Amino acid sequence: MIGAGGLFGGSLADHLVGHGVRLFTQPIRWQTSAVDDLAAGLAAYASSEPDPVIFWCAGAGVPSSAPSVFAAELETFSAFLHVVRMLPQGQRERLRFFFTSSAGGVYAGSGSAPYDEAAPTRPLGAYGRAKLAMEDDLEAFAAQSGARVVCGRISNLYGPGQNLAKSQGLISVLLMGFLTHRPVQIYVPLDTIRDYLFVDDAAAIAAASVERVASEEPGSCHTKVLCNGYGTTIGALLGTIRLVIGHRPLIGLFTNEGVARV
């Protein structure tokens, strides 16, 4: 597994270990030397695993990161796929590869939700464009190597393990605001709809999808949207949090007229 330290990767690692999977994890540094580390880790794993499974849960940044951050991520990912191509042919054909990205970054400019696998993609930033480029690389890799690939586009995750140092994850941010007695700034209307998926459920779906493709023909590449399946407005979310914490959360709502306290 590449990237077991994040919200999704950590939950997925716990899920796999809990189901008896012998897990090999590899940290990553987004620089040229990272490829050597990844190659060594992959070789160690593949030498004892006849039917390798790779979960790529790593990311160099968040949607607000600079384009240069994602350029480094793309370079590292492409170099890693080059290393994977060096596995023995039999292992390549038995390989299963799960790649994760944010559905929001990929469909950001695609119009009204809901989105499914057939919906047109229209990223508005470097994050979404980088993830789509990586998906394209994986599709070509599957066709050339015979590996079975699943590209998982995940909706808004929440749950234990959220990195509170990052300005992401509205549910975690709202609860942190309650604990620190600080108002939370919201820049979109309260009727904005989002699909919120509990991270442990996302991990279970990812693991199941990899099991399912094991019986498919070599070279398959699937795109799956991992989501809860129904939308929740920010207003409804605030109402639920009010029930949990016992009083109204402190919210600064940015409108065209300025800041309104809710």
Protein backbone atom coordinates (compact mmCIF):
# COMPACT_ATOMS: atom_id res chain seq x y z
CA MET A 1 0.00 0.00 0.00
CA ILE A 2 1.25 3.46 -0.94
CA GLY A 3 -0.08 6.15 1.37
CA ALA A 4 -1.38 4.41 4.50
CA GLY A 5 -0.98 7.50 6.67
CA GLY A 6 -3.92 9.56 5.39
CA LEU A 7 -7.61 9.48 6.24
CA PHE A 8 -8.60 6.96 3.58
CA GLY A 9 -5.33 5.03 3.48
CA GLY A 10 -5.27 4.57 7.24
CA SER A 11 -8.83 3.27 7.33
CA LEU A 12 -8.19 0.95 4.37
CA ALA A 13 -5.05 -0.43 6.04
CA ASP A 14 -7.01 -1.16 9.23
CA HIS A 15 -9.75 -2.84 7.19
CA LEU A 16 -7.33 -5.09 5.32
CA VAL A 17 -5.39 -6.09 8.42
CA GLY A 18 -8.65 -6.79 10.22
CA HIS A 19 -9.59 -9.21 7.44
CA GLY A 20 -6.34 -11.12 7.71
CA VAL A 21 -4.44 -9.48 4.85
CA ARG A 22 -0.67 -9.42 5.23
CA LEU A 23 -0.05 -5.77 4.49
CA PHE A 24 3.12 -4.13 3.23
CA THR A 25 3.06 -0.34 3.45
CA GLN A 26 5.44 2.09 1.83
CA PRO A 27 5.76 5.79 2.73
CA ILE A 28 6.43 8.22 -0.08
CA ARG A 29 8.45 11.38 -0.59
CA TRP A 30 7.53 13.50 -3.59
CA GLN A 31 10.98 13.81 -5.09
CA THR A 32 13.20 11.89 -7.48
CA SER A 33 14.72 9.65 -4.81
CA ALA A 34 11.23 8.46 -3.84
CA VAL A 35 11.15 6.21 -6.90
CA ASP A 36 14.15 4.24 -5.64
CA ASP A 37 12.41 3.75 -2.29
CA LEU A 38 9.22 2.63 -4.00
CA ALA A 39 11.10 0.25 -6.27
CA ALA A 40 12.86 -1.37 -3.32
CA GLY A 41 9.61 -1.67 -1.41
CA LEU A 42 7.79 -3.17 -4.39
CA ALA A 43 10.55 -5.70 -4.98
CA ALA A 44 10.44 -6.80 -1.34
CA TYR A 45 6.67 -7.18 -1.46
CA ALA A 46 6.49 -8.93 -4.83
CA SER A 47 9.18 -11.45 -3.89
CA SER A 48 6.86 -12.99 -1.30
CA GLU A 49 3.48 -12.29 -2.90
CA PRO A 50 2.56 -14.27 -6.05
CA ASP A 51 -0.69 -12.32 -6.59
CA PRO A 52 0.24 -8.70 -5.79
CA VAL A 53 -2.34 -6.02 -5.01
CA ILE A 54 -1.35 -2.35 -4.99
CA PHE A 55 -3.48 0.32 -3.31
CA TRP A 56 -2.35 3.82 -4.27
CA CYS A 57 -3.86 6.12 -1.62
CA ALA A 58 -1.16 8.80 -1.66
CA GLY A 59 -1.42 12.40 -2.76
CA ALA A 60 1.01 15.28 -2.87
CA GLY A 61 -1.47 17.98 -2.00
CA VAL A 62 -5.06 19.16 -1.73
CA PRO A 63 -7.16 20.90 -4.42
CA SER A 64 -5.83 24.31 -3.33
CA SER A 65 -2.16 23.30 -3.75
CA ALA A 66 0.04 24.88 -6.42
CA PRO A 67 0.34 23.21 -9.86
CA SER A 68 4.01 22.46 -9.18
CA VAL A 69 2.96 20.13 -6.36
CA PHE A 70 0.92 18.00 -8.74
CA ALA A 71 3.64 18.05 -11.37
CA ALA A 72 5.89 16.31 -8.83
CA GLU A 73 3.10 13.85 -8.03
CA LEU A 74 2.60 13.00 -11.71
CA GLU A 75 6.33 12.50 -12.25
CA THR A 76 6.61 10.19 -9.24
CA PHE A 77 3.52 8.19 -10.21
CA SER A 78 4.66 7.70 -13.80
CA ALA A 79 8.09 6.57 -12.58
CA PHE A 80 6.43 4.11 -10.19
CA LEU A 81 4.36 2.59 -13.01
CA HIS A 82 7.59 2.16 -14.96
CA VAL A 83 8.99 0.20 -12.02
CA VAL A 84 5.84 -1.96 -11.80
CA ARG A 85 6.24 -2.83 -15.52
CA MET A 86 9.49 -4.56 -14.57
CA LEU A 87 7.69 -7.20 -12.51
CA PRO A 88 7.73 -10.69 -14.05
CA GLN A 89 5.04 -11.13 -16.68
CA GLY A 90 3.06 -13.60 -14.60
CA GLN A 91 2.90 -11.20 -11.67
CA ARG A 92 1.93 -8.28 -13.90
CA GLU A 93 -0.97 -10.26 -15.33
CA ARG A 94 -2.18 -11.20 -11.84
CA LEU A 95 -1.65 -7.71 -10.43
CA ARG A 96 -4.63 -5.73 -9.15
CA PHE A 97 -4.23 -1.97 -8.72
CA PHE A 98 -6.61 0.37 -6.89
CA PHE A 99 -6.11 4.11 -7.41
CA THR A 100 -7.97 6.74 -5.41
CA SER A 101 -8.86 10.37 -6.09
CA SER A 102 -11.51 12.92 -5.13
CA ALA A 103 -14.70 12.93 -7.18
CA GLY A 104 -15.12 16.62 -6.38
CA GLY A 105 -11.87 17.53 -8.09
CA VAL A 106 -12.70 15.54 -11.22
CA TYR A 107 -16.31 16.68 -11.66
CA ALA A 108 -15.91 20.22 -10.27
CA GLY A 109 -17.10 21.96 -13.45
CA SER A 110 -19.39 19.26 -14.80
CA GLY A 111 -22.70 20.92 -13.91
CA SER A 112 -25.37 19.69 -11.56
CA ALA A 113 -24.94 16.52 -9.52
CA PRO A 114 -25.36 13.60 -9.21
CA TYR A 115 -22.41 12.20 -11.13
CA ASP A 116 -21.74 8.63 -12.13
CA GLU A 117 -18.94 6.87 -13.96
CA ALA A 118 -20.36 7.93 -17.34
CA ALA A 119 -20.67 11.63 -16.44
CA PRO A 120 -18.29 13.94 -18.32
CA THR A 121 -15.30 15.11 -16.31
CA ARG A 122 -14.39 18.77 -16.11
CA PRO A 123 -11.74 19.60 -13.52
CA LEU A 124 -11.31 23.26 -12.66
CA GLY A 125 -7.87 23.03 -11.10
CA ALA A 126 -4.52 21.29 -11.17
CA TYR A 127 -5.67 18.62 -8.72
CA GLY A 128 -8.40 17.24 -10.95
CA ARG A 129 -6.29 17.47 -14.10
CA ALA A 130 -3.46 15.57 -12.41
CA LYS A 131 -5.75 12.80 -11.18
CA LEU A 132 -7.27 12.34 -14.64
CA ALA A 133 -3.78 12.17 -16.16
CA MET A 134 -2.87 9.47 -13.65
CA GLU A 135 -6.04 7.54 -14.51
CA ASP A 136 -5.07 7.73 -18.20
CA ASP A 137 -1.61 6.38 -17.35
CA LEU A 138 -3.21 3.51 -15.44
CA GLU A 139 -5.57 2.62 -18.29
CA ALA A 140 -2.61 2.41 -20.68
CA PHE A 141 -0.66 0.44 -18.09
CA ALA A 142 -3.51 -2.09 -17.71
CA ALA A 143 -3.75 -2.60 -21.47
CA GLN A 144 0.00 -3.11 -21.80
CA SER A 145 0.63 -5.25 -18.72
CA GLY A 146 -2.58 -7.22 -18.27
CA ALA A 147 -3.08 -5.84 -14.75
CA ARG A 148 -6.62 -5.29 -13.46
CA VAL A 149 -7.16 -1.67 -12.44
CA VAL A 150 -9.87 0.13 -10.47
CA CYS A 151 -9.89 3.94 -10.37
CA GLY A 152 -11.95 4.99 -7.34
CA ARG A 153 -13.32 8.53 -7.33
CA ILE A 154 -14.41 9.17 -3.75
CA SER A 155 -16.99 11.70 -2.55
CA ASN A 156 -16.60 13.79 0.64
CA LEU A 157 -14.98 11.58 3.26
CA TYR A 158 -15.40 12.04 6.97
CA GLY A 159 -14.45 10.06 10.04
CA PRO A 160 -11.61 9.46 12.52
CA GLY A 161 -8.16 10.15 11.17
CA GLN A 162 -8.89 13.44 9.41
CA ASN A 163 -5.80 15.66 9.30
CA LEU A 164 -7.04 18.74 11.17
CA ALA A 165 -4.00 20.73 10.04
CA LYS A 166 -5.47 20.77 6.53
CA SER A 167 -8.32 23.09 5.68
CA GLN A 168 -10.55 20.31 4.40
CA GLY A 169 -13.32 18.06 5.66
CA LEU A 170 -16.28 20.24 6.62
CA ILE A 171 -17.57 17.88 9.31
CA SER A 172 -14.20 17.75 11.07
CA VAL A 173 -13.73 21.50 10.70
CA LEU A 174 -17.14 22.21 12.23
CA LEU A 175 -16.50 19.93 15.19
CA MET A 176 -13.04 21.39 15.70
CA GLY A 177 -14.60 24.85 15.71
CA PHE A 178 -16.90 23.70 18.51
CA LEU A 179 -14.02 22.26 20.55
CA THR A 180 -11.84 25.37 20.14
CA HIS A 181 -14.73 27.87 20.42
CA ARG A 182 -13.83 29.42 17.07
CA PRO A 183 -16.25 30.32 14.30
CA VAL A 184 -16.04 28.40 11.04
CA GLN A 185 -16.10 30.34 7.77
CA ILE A 186 -18.38 28.97 5.05
CA TYR A 187 -18.13 30.41 1.55
CA VAL A 188 -21.01 28.59 -0.20
CA PRO A 189 -24.80 28.80 0.30
CA LEU A 190 -26.32 26.65 3.04
CA ASP A 191 -28.42 24.81 0.44
CA THR A 192 -25.25 23.48 -1.22
CA ILE A 193 -25.54 19.71 -1.49
CA ARG A 194 -22.69 17.30 -0.82
CA ASP A 195 -22.44 13.52 -0.64
CA TYR A 196 -20.75 12.54 2.65
CA LEU A 197 -19.22 9.06 2.88
CA PHE A 198 -17.94 7.55 6.14
CA VAL A 199 -14.31 6.59 5.66
CA ASP A 200 -14.68 3.02 6.93
CA ASP A 201 -17.47 2.43 4.41
CA ALA A 202 -15.22 3.77 1.64
CA ALA A 203 -12.46 1.39 2.72
CA ALA A 204 -14.81 -1.59 2.63
CA ILE A 205 -16.03 -0.65 -0.87
CA ALA A 206 -12.46 -0.28 -2.14
CA ALA A 207 -11.42 -3.66 -0.76
CA ALA A 208 -14.52 -5.33 -2.21
CA SER A 209 -13.94 -3.80 -5.64
CA VAL A 210 -10.43 -5.22 -5.78
CA GLU A 211 -11.72 -8.67 -4.83
CA ARG A 212 -14.37 -8.47 -7.53
CA VAL A 213 -12.00 -7.74 -10.42
CA ALA A 214 -9.81 -10.74 -9.54
CA SER A 215 -11.98 -12.95 -11.75
CA GLU A 216 -12.04 -10.60 -14.73
CA GLU A 217 -10.00 -10.77 -17.90
CA PRO A 218 -6.47 -9.36 -17.68
CA GLY A 219 -6.15 -5.74 -18.77
CA SER A 220 -9.49 -4.53 -17.42
CA CYS A 221 -9.73 -0.95 -16.15
CA HIS A 222 -12.82 0.26 -14.28
CA THR A 223 -13.79 3.66 -12.96
CA LYS A 224 -16.00 3.65 -9.87
CA VAL A 225 -17.57 6.51 -7.93
CA LEU A 226 -17.48 5.68 -4.23
CA CYS A 227 -20.26 7.59 -2.50
CA ASN A 228 -23.09 7.40 -0.01
CA GLY A 229 -25.72 7.77 -2.70
CA TYR A 230 -27.71 10.70 -1.39
CA GLY A 231 -26.98 14.36 -0.85
CA THR A 232 -27.03 16.44 2.33
CA THR A 233 -27.24 20.22 2.38
CA ILE A 234 -24.83 22.18 4.52
CA GLY A 235 -27.86 23.53 6.39
CA ALA A 236 -29.00 20.00 7.25
CA LEU A 237 -25.46 19.12 8.30
CA LEU A 238 -25.38 22.09 10.66
CA GLY A 239 -28.67 20.96 12.12
CA THR A 240 -27.29 17.48 12.81
CA ILE A 241 -24.16 18.91 14.43
CA ARG A 242 -26.34 21.12 16.60
CA LEU A 243 -28.11 18.00 17.88
CA VAL A 244 -24.75 16.33 18.59
CA ILE A 245 -23.04 19.20 20.43
CA GLY A 246 -26.16 20.58 22.10
CA HIS A 247 -26.11 24.10 20.69
CA ARG A 248 -25.77 26.02 17.46
CA PRO A 249 -22.24 25.98 15.98
CA LEU A 250 -20.50 29.30 15.37
CA ILE A 251 -20.64 29.96 11.63
CA GLY A 252 -19.46 32.89 9.53
CA LEU A 253 -21.37 32.72 6.25
CA PHE A 254 -19.77 34.74 3.46
CA THR A 255 -22.35 36.24 1.09
CA ASN A 256 -22.29 38.89 -1.64
CA GLU A 257 -23.25 41.42 1.01
CA GLY A 258 -20.45 40.46 3.38
CA VAL A 259 -20.23 38.19 6.41
CA ALA A 260 -23.32 37.03 8.20
CA ARG A 261 -23.11 35.19 11.51
CA VAL A 262 -25.41 32.17 11.66
